[in-house]
Amino acid sequence: MPDFGERIRHLRKKRGLTIMDVEKATGIGHSTISRWERGESVPNSSEIYQILMDYFKVDMSYLMGVSDGVLRESEVIKDIVTRLEVLEERVGYEVRKEE
């Protein structure tokens, strides 16, 4: 199973980002990110993990290699709701919950 650094590299490359792109977006130094990706270190604070989870839209279990699920459940739900709203606008029909 991939380690933390491999996960970060995978997420970054999957999005076509450079280490400098991630630095600009997160405020985390490029040399720090590079060390993570090479497996030389890992974040030492929960705040850093939170920044990464928010930026890459993943949960802690994915970052730590415990699960292979990339998106947080809440992000999946938001995506479904957004798609439903777009569909409603296009077809002029409101999707309602059954009661």
Protein backbone atom coordinates (compact mmCIF):
# COMPACT_ATOMS: atom_id res chain seq x y z
CA MET A 1 0.00 0.00 0.00
CA PRO A 2 1.38 3.46 -0.88
CA ASP A 3 2.87 5.56 1.88
CA PHE A 4 2.08 9.19 2.66
CA GLY A 5 4.62 10.65 0.22
CA GLU A 6 3.47 8.41 -2.61
CA ARG A 7 -0.12 9.47 -1.96
CA ILE A 8 0.78 13.16 -2.08
CA ARG A 9 2.75 12.68 -5.31
CA HIS A 10 -0.11 10.71 -6.86
CA LEU A 11 -2.71 13.34 -5.92
CA ARG A 12 -0.51 16.14 -7.22
CA LYS A 13 0.35 14.48 -10.53
CA LYS A 14 -3.21 13.27 -11.09
CA ARG A 15 -4.26 16.93 -11.07
CA GLY A 16 -1.36 17.99 -13.28
CA LEU A 17 0.18 20.11 -10.53
CA THR A 18 3.79 20.93 -9.80
CA ILE A 19 5.20 21.07 -6.31
CA MET A 20 5.30 24.85 -6.73
CA ASP A 21 1.55 24.86 -7.55
CA VAL A 22 0.84 23.03 -4.30
CA GLU A 23 3.10 25.41 -2.40
CA LYS A 24 1.25 28.46 -3.77
CA ALA A 25 -2.16 27.00 -2.97
CA THR A 26 -1.37 25.67 0.50
CA GLY A 27 1.46 27.81 1.81
CA ILE A 28 3.49 24.67 2.50
CA GLY A 29 7.09 25.04 1.32
CA HIS A 30 8.11 23.23 -1.84
CA SER A 31 11.15 21.69 -0.15
CA THR A 32 8.88 20.25 2.56
CA ILE A 33 6.53 18.75 -0.04
CA SER A 34 9.51 17.34 -1.92
CA ARG A 35 10.85 15.67 1.25
CA TRP A 36 7.44 14.11 1.86
CA GLU A 37 7.29 12.75 -1.67
CA ARG A 38 10.77 11.25 -1.32
CA GLY A 39 9.73 9.61 1.95
CA GLU A 40 12.23 11.61 4.01
CA SER A 41 9.65 13.09 6.38
CA VAL A 42 5.95 13.45 7.12
CA PRO A 43 3.88 16.38 8.43
CA ASN A 44 4.33 17.03 12.13
CA SER A 45 1.06 18.81 12.88
CA SER A 46 -2.64 18.16 12.50
CA GLU A 47 -3.03 21.59 10.87
CA ILE A 48 -0.80 20.54 7.97
CA TYR A 49 -2.80 17.35 7.49
CA GLN A 50 -6.02 19.39 7.51
CA ILE A 51 -4.66 21.77 4.86
CA LEU A 52 -3.75 18.80 2.66
CA MET A 53 -7.11 17.08 3.21
CA ASP A 54 -8.97 20.26 2.28
CA TYR A 55 -6.79 21.01 -0.73
CA PHE A 56 -6.85 17.52 -2.22
CA LYS A 57 -10.38 16.73 -0.96
CA VAL A 58 -9.36 13.49 0.70
CA ASP A 59 -9.70 12.17 4.21
CA MET A 60 -7.02 11.21 6.71
CA SER A 61 -7.43 7.49 6.11
CA TYR A 62 -6.54 7.98 2.45
CA LEU A 63 -3.51 10.16 3.22
CA MET A 64 -2.23 7.64 5.73
CA GLY A 65 -2.70 4.69 3.37
CA VAL A 66 -5.48 3.08 5.39
CA SER A 67 -8.07 3.33 2.60
CA ASP A 68 -8.03 3.73 -1.15
CA GLY A 69 -11.10 5.97 -1.24
CA VAL A 70 -10.04 9.38 -2.50
CA LEU A 71 -13.05 11.65 -2.04
CA ARG A 72 -14.53 12.38 1.34
CA GLU A 73 -18.09 11.17 1.68
CA SER A 74 -19.28 14.75 2.17
CA GLU A 75 -17.58 15.77 -1.08
CA VAL A 76 -19.34 12.96 -2.94
CA ILE A 77 -22.70 14.10 -1.53
CA LYS A 78 -21.99 17.73 -2.49
CA ASP A 79 -21.09 16.59 -6.00
CA ILE A 80 -24.32 14.62 -6.34
CA VAL A 81 -26.41 17.57 -5.10
CA THR A 82 -24.67 19.93 -7.51
CA ARG A 83 -25.27 17.58 -10.42
CA LEU A 84 -28.95 17.25 -9.46
CA GLU A 85 -29.32 21.04 -9.31
CA VAL A 86 -27.78 21.39 -12.78
CA LEU A 87 -30.09 18.68 -14.09
CA GLU A 88 -33.12 20.39 -12.54
CA GLU A 89 -32.19 23.65 -14.25
CA ARG A 90 -31.69 21.99 -17.62
CA VAL A 91 -34.94 20.05 -17.68
CA GLY A 92 -37.05 22.45 -15.63
CA TYR A 93 -37.97 19.75 -13.15
CA GLU A 94 -37.40 19.70 -9.43
CA VAL A 95 -36.12 16.46 -7.97
CA ARG A 96 -37.86 16.04 -4.62
CA LYS A 97 -37.26 13.72 -1.73
CA GLU A 98 -39.95 11.15 -1.18
CA GLU A 99 -41.72 11.59 2.11
